[in-house]
């Protein structure tokens, strides 16, 4: 499938975060916003998307800190970009399960759960 459009969705609510968590979104921490098309193209090396418009979710560190109560060394810089693509938007998200480690990709669930353990 040819990508016609990348739509950036800013994540600002707990409901938005829960949606990423429930979907096990593929996530990169610290990605520069200008690199989002490169991230989408990287995913396309392994699988296609179900729609010509790919939604890419951007969460700021401040949002993560606020809703997950992150503090101390576990706190994100407020302006850090956390960029996610929902697995449900991919035709075969399992195809990126192993290659994601090459680019530092993690599932959003792992990020949240690991932060919770470290925060306690």
PDB file of N, CA and C in Angstrom:
ATOM      1  N   UNK A   1       0.843  -1.180   0.000  1.00  0.00           N
ATOM      2  CA  UNK A   1       0.000   0.000   0.000  1.00  0.00           C
ATOM      3  C   UNK A   1       0.885   1.239   0.000  1.00  0.00           C
ATOM      4  N   UNK A   2       0.530   2.216  -0.768  1.00  0.00           N
ATOM      5  CA  UNK A   2       1.247   3.482  -0.809  1.00  0.00           C
ATOM      6  C   UNK A   2       0.665   4.398   0.256  1.00  0.00           C
ATOM      7  N   UNK A   3       1.539   4.970   1.060  1.00  0.00           N
ATOM      8  CA  UNK A   3       1.085   5.891   2.088  1.00  0.00           C
ATOM      9  C   UNK A   3       0.802   7.234   1.448  1.00  0.00           C
ATOM     10  N   UNK A   4      -0.428   7.675   1.565  1.00  0.00           N
ATOM     11  CA  UNK A   4      -0.802   8.966   1.019  1.00  0.00           C
ATOM     12  C   UNK A   4      -0.687  10.069   2.052  1.00  0.00           C
ATOM     13  N   UNK A   5      -0.776   9.702   3.324  1.00  0.00           N
ATOM     14  CA  UNK A   5      -0.845  10.724   4.349  1.00  0.00           C
ATOM     15  C   UNK A   5      -0.387  10.163   5.687  1.00  0.00           C
ATOM     16  N   UNK A   6       0.388  10.960   6.404  1.00  0.00           N
ATOM     17  CA  UNK A   6       0.731  10.649   7.793  1.00  0.00           C
ATOM     18  C   UNK A   6       0.039  11.691   8.643  1.00  0.00           C
ATOM     19  N   UNK A   7      -0.805  11.232   9.539  1.00  0.00           N
ATOM     20  CA  UNK A   7      -1.528  12.143  10.420  1.00  0.00           C
ATOM     21  C   UNK A   7      -0.920  12.053  11.812  1.00  0.00           C
ATOM     22  N   UNK A   8      -0.452  13.185  12.318  1.00  0.00           N
ATOM     23  CA  UNK A   8       0.114  13.252  13.654  1.00  0.00           C
ATOM     24  C   UNK A   8      -1.027  13.501  14.640  1.00  0.00           C
ATOM     25  N   UNK A   9      -1.130  12.649  15.644  1.00  0.00           N
ATOM     26  CA  UNK A   9      -2.152  12.769  16.674  1.00  0.00           C
ATOM     27  C   UNK A   9      -1.445  13.051  17.991  1.00  0.00           C
ATOM     28  N   UNK A  10      -1.719  14.198  18.585  1.00  0.00           N
ATOM     29  CA  UNK A  10      -1.101  14.536  19.856  1.00  0.00           C
ATOM     30  C   UNK A  10      -1.868  13.866  20.993  1.00  0.00           C
ATOM     31  N   UNK A  11      -1.146  13.132  21.813  1.00  0.00           N
ATOM     32  CA  UNK A  11      -1.728  12.401  22.936  1.00  0.00           C
ATOM     33  C   UNK A  11      -1.682  13.312  24.167  1.00  0.00           C
ATOM     34  N   UNK A  12      -2.860  13.601  24.719  1.00  0.00           N
ATOM     35  CA  UNK A  12      -2.908  14.539  25.843  1.00  0.00           C
ATOM     36  C   UNK A  12      -3.741  14.053  27.024  1.00  0.00           C
ATOM     37  N   UNK A  13      -4.461  12.940  26.857  1.00  0.00           N
ATOM     38  CA  UNK A  13      -5.360  12.485  27.914  1.00  0.00           C
ATOM     39  C   UNK A  13      -5.016  11.058  28.342  1.00  0.00           C
ATOM     40  N   UNK A  14      -5.493  10.701  29.518  1.00  0.00           N
ATOM     41  CA  UNK A  14      -5.314   9.327  30.007  1.00  0.00           C
ATOM     42  C   UNK A  14      -6.023   8.347  29.079  1.00  0.00           C
ATOM     43  N   UNK A  15      -7.147   8.749  28.545  1.00  0.00           N
ATOM     44  CA  UNK A  15      -7.880   7.883  27.601  1.00  0.00           C
ATOM     45  C   UNK A  15      -7.031   7.590  26.361  1.00  0.00           C
ATOM     46  N   UNK A  16      -6.345   8.626  25.854  1.00  0.00           N
ATOM     47  CA  UNK A  16      -5.443   8.431  24.704  1.00  0.00           C
ATOM     48  C   UNK A  16      -4.328   7.450  25.059  1.00  0.00           C
ATOM     49  N   UNK A  17      -3.749   7.633  26.248  1.00  0.00           N
ATOM     50  CA  UNK A  17      -2.679   6.745  26.698  1.00  0.00           C
ATOM     51  C   UNK A  17      -3.181   5.313  26.853  1.00  0.00           C
ATOM     52  N   UNK A  18      -4.363   5.156  27.423  1.00  0.00           N
ATOM     53  CA  UNK A  18      -4.949   3.824  27.591  1.00  0.00           C
ATOM     54  C   UNK A  18      -5.156   3.145  26.246  1.00  0.00           C
ATOM     55  N   UNK A  19      -5.524   3.915  25.243  1.00  0.00           N
ATOM     56  CA  UNK A  19      -5.730   3.375  23.900  1.00  0.00           C
ATOM     57  C   UNK A  19      -4.418   2.824  23.337  1.00  0.00           C
ATOM     58  N   UNK A  20      -3.324   3.552  23.527  1.00  0.00           N
ATOM     59  CA  UNK A  20      -2.015   3.074  23.079  1.00  0.00           C
ATOM     60  C   UNK A  20      -1.601   1.826  23.862  1.00  0.00           C
ATOM     61  N   UNK A  21      -1.862   1.835  25.142  1.00  0.00           N
ATOM     62  CA  UNK A  21      -1.526   0.696  26.007  1.00  0.00           C
ATOM     63  C   UNK A  21      -2.315  -0.546  25.582  1.00  0.00           C
ATOM     64  N   UNK A  22      -3.607  -0.394  25.420  1.00  0.00           N
ATOM     65  CA  UNK A  22      -4.468  -1.523  25.061  1.00  0.00           C
ATOM     66  C   UNK A  22      -4.118  -2.100  23.694  1.00  0.00           C
ATOM     67  N   UNK A  23      -3.543  -1.279  22.821  1.00  0.00           N
ATOM     68  CA  UNK A  23      -3.202  -1.695  21.460  1.00  0.00           C
ATOM     69  C   UNK A  23      -1.759  -2.201  21.344  1.00  0.00           C
ATOM     70  N   UNK A  24      -0.996  -2.139  22.427  1.00  0.00           N
ATOM     71  CA  UNK A  24       0.413  -2.534  22.394  1.00  0.00           C
ATOM     72  C   UNK A  24       1.151  -1.777  21.290  1.00  0.00           C
ATOM     73  N   UNK A  25       0.959  -0.475  21.236  1.00  0.00           N
ATOM     74  CA  UNK A  25       1.522   0.346  20.161  1.00  0.00           C
ATOM     75  C   UNK A  25       3.046   0.231  20.097  1.00  0.00           C
ATOM     76  N   UNK A  26       3.563   0.174  18.873  1.00  0.00           N
ATOM     77  CA  UNK A  26       4.998   0.196  18.635  1.00  0.00           C
ATOM     78  C   UNK A  26       5.485   1.611  18.931  1.00  0.00           C
ATOM     79  N   UNK A  27       6.491   1.735  19.789  1.00  0.00           N
ATOM     80  CA  UNK A  27       6.853   3.054  20.316  1.00  0.00           C
ATOM     81  C   UNK A  27       8.359   3.280  20.313  1.00  0.00           C
ATOM     82  N   UNK A  28       8.738   4.511  19.952  1.00  0.00           N
ATOM     83  CA  UNK A  28      10.123   4.960  20.032  1.00  0.00           C
ATOM     84  C   UNK A  28      10.172   6.161  20.965  1.00  0.00           C
ATOM     85  N   UNK A  29      11.047   6.117  21.943  1.00  0.00           N
ATOM     86  CA  UNK A  29      11.217   7.238  22.863  1.00  0.00           C
ATOM     87  C   UNK A  29      12.318   8.152  22.323  1.00  0.00           C
ATOM     88  N   UNK A  30      12.054   9.472  22.346  1.00  0.00           N
ATOM     89  CA  UNK A  30      13.062  10.449  21.958  1.00  0.00           C
ATOM     90  C   UNK A  30      13.193  10.684  20.467  1.00  0.00           C
ATOM     91  N   UNK A  31      12.244  10.248  19.676  1.00  0.00           N
ATOM     92  CA  UNK A  31      12.315  10.427  18.226  1.00  0.00           C
ATOM     93  C   UNK A  31      12.026  11.876  17.861  1.00  0.00           C
ATOM     94  N   UNK A  32      12.865  12.458  17.039  1.00  0.00           N
ATOM     95  CA  UNK A  32      12.633  13.796  16.519  1.00  0.00           C
ATOM     96  C   UNK A  32      11.418  13.745  15.586  1.00  0.00           C
ATOM     97  N   UNK A  33      10.540  14.728  15.684  1.00  0.00           N
ATOM     98  CA  UNK A  33       9.312  14.718  14.878  1.00  0.00           C
ATOM     99  C   UNK A  33       9.606  14.704  13.381  1.00  0.00           C
ATOM    100  N   UNK A  34      10.703  15.288  12.971  1.00  0.00           N
ATOM    101  CA  UNK A  34      11.062  15.288  11.554  1.00  0.00           C
ATOM    102  C   UNK A  34      11.380  13.880  11.051  1.00  0.00           C
ATOM    103  N   UNK A  35      11.651  12.945  11.956  1.00  0.00           N
ATOM    104  CA  UNK A  35      11.985  11.571  11.585  1.00  0.00           C
ATOM    105  C   UNK A  35      10.775  10.646  11.514  1.00  0.00           C
ATOM    106  N   UNK A  36       9.584  11.170  11.749  1.00  0.00           N
ATOM    107  CA  UNK A  36       8.381  10.328  11.705  1.00  0.00           C
ATOM    108  C   UNK A  36       8.204   9.649  10.343  1.00  0.00           C
ATOM    109  N   UNK A  37       8.370  10.356   9.205  1.00  0.00           N
ATOM    110  CA  UNK A  37       8.235   9.644   7.926  1.00  0.00           C
ATOM    111  C   UNK A  37       9.236   8.490   7.788  1.00  0.00           C
ATOM    112  N   UNK A  38      10.434   8.667   8.302  1.00  0.00           N
ATOM    113  CA  UNK A  38      11.430   7.603   8.273  1.00  0.00           C
ATOM    114  C   UNK A  38      10.978   6.408   9.119  1.00  0.00           C
ATOM    115  N   UNK A  39      10.374   6.673  10.275  1.00  0.00           N
ATOM    116  CA  UNK A  39       9.832   5.621  11.139  1.00  0.00           C
ATOM    117  C   UNK A  39       8.737   4.846  10.395  1.00  0.00           C
ATOM    118  N   UNK A  40       7.825   5.561   9.757  1.00  0.00           N
ATOM    119  CA  UNK A  40       6.749   4.909   9.003  1.00  0.00           C
ATOM    120  C   UNK A  40       7.333   4.068   7.873  1.00  0.00           C
ATOM    121  N   UNK A  41       8.315   4.600   7.162  1.00  0.00           N
ATOM    122  CA  UNK A  41       8.946   3.840   6.076  1.00  0.00           C
ATOM    123  C   UNK A  41       9.677   2.616   6.610  1.00  0.00           C
ATOM    124  N   UNK A  42      10.270   2.732   7.795  1.00  0.00           N
ATOM    125  CA  UNK A  42      10.932   1.579   8.401  1.00  0.00           C
ATOM    126  C   UNK A  42       9.906   0.474   8.660  1.00  0.00           C
ATOM    127  N   UNK A  43       8.751   0.829   9.225  1.00  0.00           N
ATOM    128  CA  UNK A  43       7.698  -0.165   9.473  1.00  0.00           C
ATOM    129  C   UNK A  43       7.284  -0.826   8.155  1.00  0.00           C
ATOM    130  N   UNK A  44       7.220  -0.035   7.100  1.00  0.00           N
ATOM    131  CA  UNK A  44       6.778  -0.564   5.802  1.00  0.00           C
ATOM    132  C   UNK A  44       7.776  -1.548   5.184  1.00  0.00           C
ATOM    133  N   UNK A  45       8.975  -1.612   5.711  1.00  0.00           N
ATOM    134  CA  UNK A  45       9.919  -2.643   5.256  1.00  0.00           C
ATOM    135  C   UNK A  45       9.463  -4.034   5.692  1.00  0.00           C
ATOM    136  N   UNK A  46       8.614  -4.087   6.735  1.00  0.00           N
ATOM    137  CA  UNK A  46       8.213  -5.365   7.335  1.00  0.00           C
ATOM    138  C   UNK A  46       6.740  -5.691   7.149  1.00  0.00           C
ATOM    139  N   UNK A  47       5.904  -4.670   7.064  1.00  0.00           N
ATOM    140  CA  UNK A  47       4.476  -4.888   6.909  1.00  0.00           C
ATOM    141  C   UNK A  47       3.858  -3.648   6.269  1.00  0.00           C
ATOM    142  N   UNK A  48       2.619  -3.789   5.859  1.00  0.00           N
ATOM    143  CA  UNK A  48       1.903  -2.647   5.295  1.00  0.00           C
ATOM    144  C   UNK A  48       0.886  -2.151   6.321  1.00  0.00           C
ATOM    145  N   UNK A  49       0.248  -1.059   5.973  1.00  0.00           N
ATOM    146  CA  UNK A  49      -0.773  -0.480   6.830  1.00  0.00           C
ATOM    147  C   UNK A  49      -2.150  -0.752   6.249  1.00  0.00           C
ATOM    148  N   UNK A  50      -3.138  -0.776   7.108  1.00  0.00           N
ATOM    149  CA  UNK A  50      -4.510  -1.076   6.696  1.00  0.00           C
ATOM    150  C   UNK A  50      -5.181   0.097   6.009  1.00  0.00           C
ATOM    151  N   UNK A  51      -4.601   1.283   6.141  1.00  0.00           N
ATOM    152  CA  UNK A  51      -5.187   2.486   5.563  1.00  0.00           C
ATOM    153  C   UNK A  51      -4.096   3.299   4.884  1.00  0.00           C
ATOM    154  N   UNK A  52      -4.482   4.098   3.903  1.00  0.00           N
ATOM    155  CA  UNK A  52      -3.528   4.978   3.239  1.00  0.00           C
ATOM    156  C   UNK A  52      -3.129   6.149   4.131  1.00  0.00           C
ATOM    157  N   UNK A  53      -3.912   6.406   5.169  1.00  0.00           N
ATOM    158  CA  UNK A  53      -3.564   7.417   6.158  1.00  0.00           C
ATOM    159  C   UNK A  53      -3.062   6.698   7.405  1.00  0.00           C
ATOM    160  N   UNK A  54      -1.810   6.969   7.774  1.00  0.00           N
ATOM    161  CA  UNK A  54      -1.222   6.344   8.948  1.00  0.00           C
ATOM    162  C   UNK A  54      -1.263   7.353  10.094  1.00  0.00           C
ATOM    163  N   UNK A  55      -1.882   6.967  11.162  1.00  0.00           N
ATOM    164  CA  UNK A  55      -1.918   7.804  12.362  1.00  0.00           C
ATOM    165  C   UNK A  55      -0.699   7.492  13.220  1.00  0.00           C
ATOM    166  N   UNK A  56       0.053   8.537  13.517  1.00  0.00           N
ATOM    167  CA  UNK A  56       1.230   8.426  14.365  1.00  0.00           C
ATOM    168  C   UNK A  56       0.957   9.279  15.597  1.00  0.00           C
ATOM    169  N   UNK A  57       1.083   8.659  16.752  1.00  0.00           N
ATOM    170  CA  UNK A  57       0.712   9.287  18.018  1.00  0.00           C
ATOM    171  C   UNK A  57       1.959   9.833  18.704  1.00  0.00           C
ATOM    172  N   UNK A  58       1.888  11.108  19.104  1.00  0.00           N
ATOM    173  CA  UNK A  58       3.013  11.752  19.770  1.00  0.00           C
ATOM    174  C   UNK A  58       2.592  12.130  21.187  1.00  0.00           C
ATOM    175  N   UNK A  59       3.319  11.562  22.139  1.00  0.00           N
ATOM    176  CA  UNK A  59       3.094  11.843  23.555  1.00  0.00           C
ATOM    177  C   UNK A  59       4.307  12.605  24.061  1.00  0.00           C
ATOM    178  N   UNK A  60       4.097  13.654  24.791  1.00  0.00           N
ATOM    179  CA  UNK A  60       5.203  14.396  25.399  1.00  0.00           C
ATOM    180  C   UNK A  60       5.551  13.764  26.753  1.00  0.00           C
ATOM    181  N   UNK A  61       6.801  13.924  27.125  1.00  0.00           N
ATOM    182  CA  UNK A  61       7.235  13.418  28.415  1.00  0.00           C
ATOM    183  C   UNK A  61       6.387  13.955  29.550  1.00  0.00           C
ATOM    184  N   UNK A  62       5.994  15.232  29.464  1.00  0.00           N
ATOM    185  CA  UNK A  62       5.170  15.839  30.516  1.00  0.00           C
ATOM    186  C   UNK A  62       3.855  15.097  30.696  1.00  0.00           C
ATOM    187  N   UNK A  63       3.284  14.616  29.614  1.00  0.00           N
ATOM    188  CA  UNK A  63       2.019  13.871  29.679  1.00  0.00           C
ATOM    189  C   UNK A  63       2.234  12.535  30.375  1.00  0.00           C
ATOM    190  N   UNK A  64       3.324  11.855  30.035  1.00  0.00           N
ATOM    191  CA  UNK A  64       3.636  10.584  30.693  1.00  0.00           C
ATOM    192  C   UNK A  64       3.854  10.806  32.181  1.00  0.00           C
ATOM    193  N   UNK A  65       4.621  11.836  32.519  1.00  0.00           N
ATOM    194  CA  UNK A  65       4.907  12.130  33.926  1.00  0.00           C
ATOM    195  C   UNK A  65       3.624  12.396  34.701  1.00  0.00           C
ATOM    196  N   UNK A  66       2.746  13.178  34.112  1.00  0.00           N
ATOM    197  CA  UNK A  66       1.499  13.569  34.770  1.00  0.00           C
ATOM    198  C   UNK A  66       0.593  12.368  35.036  1.00  0.00           C
ATOM    199  N   UNK A  67       0.330  11.581  34.007  1.00  0.00           N
ATOM    200  CA  UNK A  67      -0.662  10.516  34.145  1.00  0.00           C
ATOM    201  C   UNK A  67      -0.123   9.234  34.775  1.00  0.00           C
ATOM    202  N   UNK A  68       1.191   9.043  34.736  1.00  0.00           N
ATOM    203  CA  UNK A  68       1.755   7.841  35.336  1.00  0.00           C
ATOM    204  C   UNK A  68       2.530   8.149  36.616  1.00  0.00           C
ATOM    205  N   UNK A  69       2.504   9.407  37.059  1.00  0.00           N
ATOM    206  CA  UNK A  69       3.129   9.787  38.321  1.00  0.00           C
ATOM    207  C   UNK A  69       4.627   9.534  38.360  1.00  0.00           C
ATOM    208  N   UNK A  70       5.304   9.732  37.227  1.00  0.00           N
ATOM    209  CA  UNK A  70       6.739   9.464  37.169  1.00  0.00           C
ATOM    210  C   UNK A  70       7.511  10.577  37.880  1.00  0.00           C
ATOM    211  N   UNK A  71       8.539  10.164  38.624  1.00  0.00           N
ATOM    212  CA  UNK A  71       9.290  11.145  39.405  1.00  0.00           C
ATOM    213  C   UNK A  71      10.757  10.747  39.474  1.00  0.00           C
ATOM    214  N   UNK A  72      11.568  11.669  39.992  1.00  0.00           N
ATOM    215  CA  UNK A  72      12.989  11.401  40.167  1.00  0.00           C
ATOM    216  C   UNK A  72      13.678  11.040  38.869  1.00  0.00           C
ATOM    217  N   UNK A  73      14.569  10.056  38.940  1.00  0.00           N
ATOM    218  CA  UNK A  73      15.309   9.619  37.745  1.00  0.00           C
ATOM    219  C   UNK A  73      14.413   8.936  36.721  1.00  0.00           C
ATOM    220  N   UNK A  74      13.221   8.570  37.109  1.00  0.00           N
ATOM    221  CA  UNK A  74      12.286   7.886  36.225  1.00  0.00           C
ATOM    222  C   UNK A  74      11.447   8.872  35.416  1.00  0.00           C
ATOM    223  N   UNK A  75      11.557  10.146  35.736  1.00  0.00           N
ATOM    224  CA  UNK A  75      10.782  11.196  35.085  1.00  0.00           C
ATOM    225  C   UNK A  75      11.354  11.494  33.695  1.00  0.00           C
ATOM    226  N   UNK A  76      10.471  11.669  32.725  1.00  0.00           N
ATOM    227  CA  UNK A  76      10.894  12.060  31.382  1.00  0.00           C
ATOM    228  C   UNK A  76      11.126  13.566  31.326  1.00  0.00           C
ATOM    229  N   UNK A  77      12.037  14.027  30.475  1.00  0.00           N
ATOM    230  CA  UNK A  77      12.084  15.461  30.195  1.00  0.00           C
ATOM    231  C   UNK A  77      10.716  15.879  29.628  1.00  0.00           C
ATOM    232  N   UNK A  78      10.194  16.997  30.072  1.00  0.00           N
ATOM    233  CA  UNK A  78       8.844  17.406  29.688  1.00  0.00           C
ATOM    234  C   UNK A  78       8.635  17.463  28.182  1.00  0.00           C
ATOM    235  N   UNK A  79       9.659  17.856  27.426  1.00  0.00           N
ATOM    236  CA  UNK A  79       9.498  18.042  25.984  1.00  0.00           C
ATOM    237  C   UNK A  79       9.928  16.827  25.154  1.00  0.00           C
ATOM    238  N   UNK A  80      10.244  15.707  25.812  1.00  0.00           N
ATOM    239  CA  UNK A  80      10.648  14.504  25.086  1.00  0.00           C
ATOM    240  C   UNK A  80       9.479  13.975  24.246  1.00  0.00           C
ATOM    241  N   UNK A  81       9.762  13.602  23.006  1.00  0.00           N
ATOM    242  CA  UNK A  81       8.744  12.998  22.138  1.00  0.00           C
ATOM    243  C   UNK A  81       8.754  11.487  22.303  1.00  0.00           C
ATOM    244  N   UNK A  82       7.579  10.935  22.499  1.00  0.00           N
ATOM    245  CA  UNK A  82       7.385   9.490  22.555  1.00  0.00           C
ATOM    246  C   UNK A  82       6.406   9.197  21.421  1.00  0.00           C
ATOM    247  N   UNK A  83       6.899   8.512  20.396  1.00  0.00           N
ATOM    248  CA  UNK A  83       6.169   8.368  19.141  1.00  0.00           C
ATOM    249  C   UNK A  83       5.696   6.925  18.978  1.00  0.00           C
ATOM    250  N   UNK A  84       4.404   6.771  18.695  1.00  0.00           N
ATOM    251  CA  UNK A  84       3.807   5.435  18.631  1.00  0.00           C
ATOM    252  C   UNK A  84       2.979   5.242  17.367  1.00  0.00           C
ATOM    253  N   UNK A  85       2.944   3.998  16.925  1.00  0.00           N
ATOM    254  CA  UNK A  85       2.047   3.563  15.848  1.00  0.00           C
ATOM    255  C   UNK A  85       1.283   2.365  16.396  1.00  0.00           C
ATOM    256  N   UNK A  86      -0.026   2.434  16.343  1.00  0.00           N
ATOM    257  CA  UNK A  86      -0.835   1.338  16.877  1.00  0.00           C
ATOM    258  C   UNK A  86      -0.642   0.067  16.053  1.00  0.00           C
ATOM    259  N   UNK A  87      -0.519  -1.041  16.756  1.00  0.00           N
ATOM    260  CA  UNK A  87      -0.392  -2.328  16.077  1.00  0.00           C
ATOM    261  C   UNK A  87      -1.614  -2.633  15.225  1.00  0.00           C
ATOM    262  N   UNK A  88      -2.779  -2.186  15.658  1.00  0.00           N
ATOM    263  CA  UNK A  88      -4.003  -2.460  14.907  1.00  0.00           C
ATOM    264  C   UNK A  88      -4.033  -1.752  13.560  1.00  0.00           C
ATOM    265  N   UNK A  89      -3.140  -0.790  13.340  1.00  0.00           N
ATOM    266  CA  UNK A  89      -3.099  -0.105  12.043  1.00  0.00           C
ATOM    267  C   UNK A  89      -2.240  -0.856  11.033  1.00  0.00           C
ATOM    268  N   UNK A  90      -1.495  -1.863  11.511  1.00  0.00           N
ATOM    269  CA  UNK A  90      -0.615  -2.644  10.645  1.00  0.00           C
ATOM    270  C   UNK A  90      -1.311  -3.930  10.191  1.00  0.00           C
ATOM    271  N   UNK A  91      -0.992  -4.365   8.996  1.00  0.00           N
ATOM    272  CA  UNK A  91      -1.547  -5.623   8.497  1.00  0.00           C
ATOM    273  C   UNK A  91      -0.993  -6.792   9.309  1.00  0.00           C
ATOM    274  N   UNK A  92       0.319  -6.771   9.618  1.00  0.00           N
ATOM    275  CA  UNK A  92       0.942  -7.855  10.379  1.00  0.00           C
ATOM    276  C   UNK A  92       1.937  -7.257  11.362  1.00  0.00           C
ATOM    277  N   UNK A  93       1.462  -6.869  12.525  1.00  0.00           N
ATOM    278  CA  UNK A  93       2.344  -6.242  13.513  1.00  0.00           C
ATOM    279  C   UNK A  93       3.395  -7.210  14.050  1.00  0.00           C
ATOM    280  N   UNK A  94       3.147  -8.501  13.974  1.00  0.00           N
ATOM    281  CA  UNK A  94       4.143  -9.478  14.422  1.00  0.00           C
ATOM    282  C   UNK A  94       5.426  -9.396  13.598  1.00  0.00           C
ATOM    283  N   UNK A  95       5.320  -8.877  12.381  1.00  0.00           N
ATOM    284  CA  UNK A  95       6.490  -8.774  11.511  1.00  0.00           C
ATOM    285  C   UNK A  95       7.523  -7.783  12.039  1.00  0.00           C
ATOM    286  N   UNK A  96       7.122  -6.871  12.931  1.00  0.00           N
ATOM    287  CA  UNK A  96       8.069  -5.902  13.499  1.00  0.00           C
ATOM    288  C   UNK A  96       8.517  -6.293  14.908  1.00  0.00           C
ATOM    289  N   UNK A  97       8.009  -7.396  15.431  1.00  0.00           N
ATOM    290  CA  UNK A  97       8.286  -7.785  16.823  1.00  0.00           C
ATOM    291  C   UNK A  97       9.779  -7.925  17.107  1.00  0.00           C
ATOM    292  N   UNK A  98      10.519  -8.579  16.269  1.00  0.00           N
ATOM    293  CA  UNK A  98      11.961  -8.754  16.474  1.00  0.00           C
ATOM    294  C   UNK A  98      12.745  -7.568  15.894  1.00  0.00           C
ATOM    295  N   UNK A  99      12.466  -7.134  14.672  1.00  0.00           N
ATOM    296  CA  UNK A  99      13.237  -6.011  14.114  1.00  0.00           C
ATOM    297  C   UNK A  99      13.143  -4.710  14.914  1.00  0.00           C
ATOM    298  N   UNK A 100      12.105  -4.536  15.720  1.00  0.00           N
ATOM    299  CA  UNK A 100      11.948  -3.291  16.477  1.00  0.00           C
ATOM    300  C   UNK A 100      13.138  -3.031  17.392  1.00  0.00           C
ATOM    301  N   UNK A 101      13.804  -4.098  17.833  1.00  0.00           N
ATOM    302  CA  UNK A 101      14.957  -3.925  18.709  1.00  0.00           C
ATOM    303  C   UNK A 101      16.114  -3.206  18.003  1.00  0.00           C
ATOM    304  N   UNK A 102      16.187  -3.329  16.678  1.00  0.00           N
ATOM    305  CA  UNK A 102      17.248  -2.680  15.907  1.00  0.00           C
ATOM    306  C   UNK A 102      17.159  -1.154  15.980  1.00  0.00           C
ATOM    307  N   UNK A 103      15.958  -0.634  16.180  1.00  0.00           N
ATOM    308  CA  UNK A 103      15.757   0.819  16.213  1.00  0.00           C
ATOM    309  C   UNK A 103      15.369   1.308  17.598  1.00  0.00           C
ATOM    310  N   UNK A 104      15.458   0.440  18.599  1.00  0.00           N
ATOM    311  CA  UNK A 104      15.104   0.822  19.960  1.00  0.00           C
ATOM    312  C   UNK A 104      13.618   0.872  20.209  1.00  0.00           C
ATOM    313  N   UNK A 105      12.853   0.202  19.360  1.00  0.00           N
ATOM    314  CA  UNK A 105      11.404   0.178  19.511  1.00  0.00           C
ATOM    315  C   UNK A 105      10.962  -0.738  20.632  1.00  0.00           C
ATOM    316  N   UNK A 106       9.905  -0.316  21.303  1.00  0.00           N
ATOM    317  CA  UNK A 106       9.315  -1.113  22.381  1.00  0.00           C
ATOM    318  C   UNK A 106       7.799  -1.042  22.262  1.00  0.00           C
ATOM    319  N   UNK A 107       7.130  -1.984  22.883  1.00  0.00           N
ATOM    320  CA  UNK A 107       5.673  -1.893  22.962  1.00  0.00           C
ATOM    321  C   UNK A 107       5.336  -0.853  24.033  1.00  0.00           C
ATOM    322  N   UNK A 108       4.295  -0.101  23.821  1.00  0.00           N
ATOM    323  CA  UNK A 108       3.901   0.922  24.783  1.00  0.00           C
ATOM    324  C   UNK A 108       3.615   0.305  26.152  1.00  0.00           C
ATOM    325  N   UNK A 109       3.056  -0.891  26.166  1.00  0.00           N
ATOM    326  CA  UNK A 109       2.779  -1.581  27.436  1.00  0.00           C
ATOM    327  C   UNK A 109       4.057  -1.806  28.228  1.00  0.00           C
ATOM    328  N   UNK A 110       5.133  -2.208  27.544  1.00  0.00           N
ATOM    329  CA  UNK A 110       6.407  -2.442  28.223  1.00  0.00           C
ATOM    330  C   UNK A 110       6.948  -1.152  28.831  1.00  0.00           C
ATOM    331  N   UNK A 111       6.841  -0.064  28.108  1.00  0.00           N
ATOM    332  CA  UNK A 111       7.323   1.224  28.603  1.00  0.00           C
ATOM    333  C   UNK A 111       6.576   1.604  29.871  1.00  0.00           C
ATOM    334  N   UNK A 112       5.246   1.544  29.814  1.00  0.00           N
ATOM    335  CA  UNK A 112       4.429   1.933  30.964  1.00  0.00           C
ATOM    336  C   UNK A 112       4.679   1.005  32.151  1.00  0.00           C
ATOM    337  N   UNK A 113       4.660  -0.294  31.905  1.00  0.00           N
ATOM    338  CA  UNK A 113       4.837  -1.257  32.996  1.00  0.00           C
ATOM    339  C   UNK A 113       6.230  -1.173  33.618  1.00  0.00           C
ATOM    340  N   UNK A 114       7.259  -1.011  32.786  1.00  0.00           N
ATOM    341  CA  UNK A 114       8.629  -0.883  33.313  1.00  0.00           C
ATOM    342  C   UNK A 114       8.789   0.399  34.118  1.00  0.00           C
ATOM    343  N   UNK A 115       8.181   1.480  33.652  1.00  0.00           N
ATOM    344  CA  UNK A 115       8.240   2.739  34.399  1.00  0.00           C
ATOM    345  C   UNK A 115       7.547   2.593  35.758  1.00  0.00           C
ATOM    346  N   UNK A 116       6.439   1.891  35.792  1.00  0.00           N
ATOM    347  CA  UNK A 116       5.702   1.696  37.047  1.00  0.00           C
ATOM    348  C   UNK A 116       6.543   0.931  38.050  1.00  0.00           C
ATOM    349  N   UNK A 117       7.234  -0.107  37.596  1.00  0.00           N
ATOM    350  CA  UNK A 117       8.090  -0.894  38.485  1.00  0.00           C
ATOM    351  C   UNK A 117       9.230  -0.032  39.009  1.00  0.00           C
ATOM    352  N   UNK A 118       9.892   0.710  38.111  1.00  0.00           N
ATOM    353  CA  UNK A 118      11.027   1.547  38.530  1.00  0.00           C
ATOM    354  C   UNK A 118      10.565   2.680  39.449  1.00  0.00           C
ATOM    355  N   UNK A 119       9.367   3.202  39.222  1.00  0.00           N
ATOM    356  CA  UNK A 119       8.879   4.324  40.016  1.00  0.00           C
ATOM    357  C   UNK A 119       8.566   3.909  41.454  1.00  0.00           C
ATOM    358  N   UNK A 120       8.250   2.630  41.639  1.00  0.00           N
ATOM    359  CA  UNK A 120       7.941   2.138  42.977  1.00  0.00           C
ATOM    360  C   UNK A 120       9.201   1.655  43.640  1.00  0.00           C
TER     361      UNK A 120
END
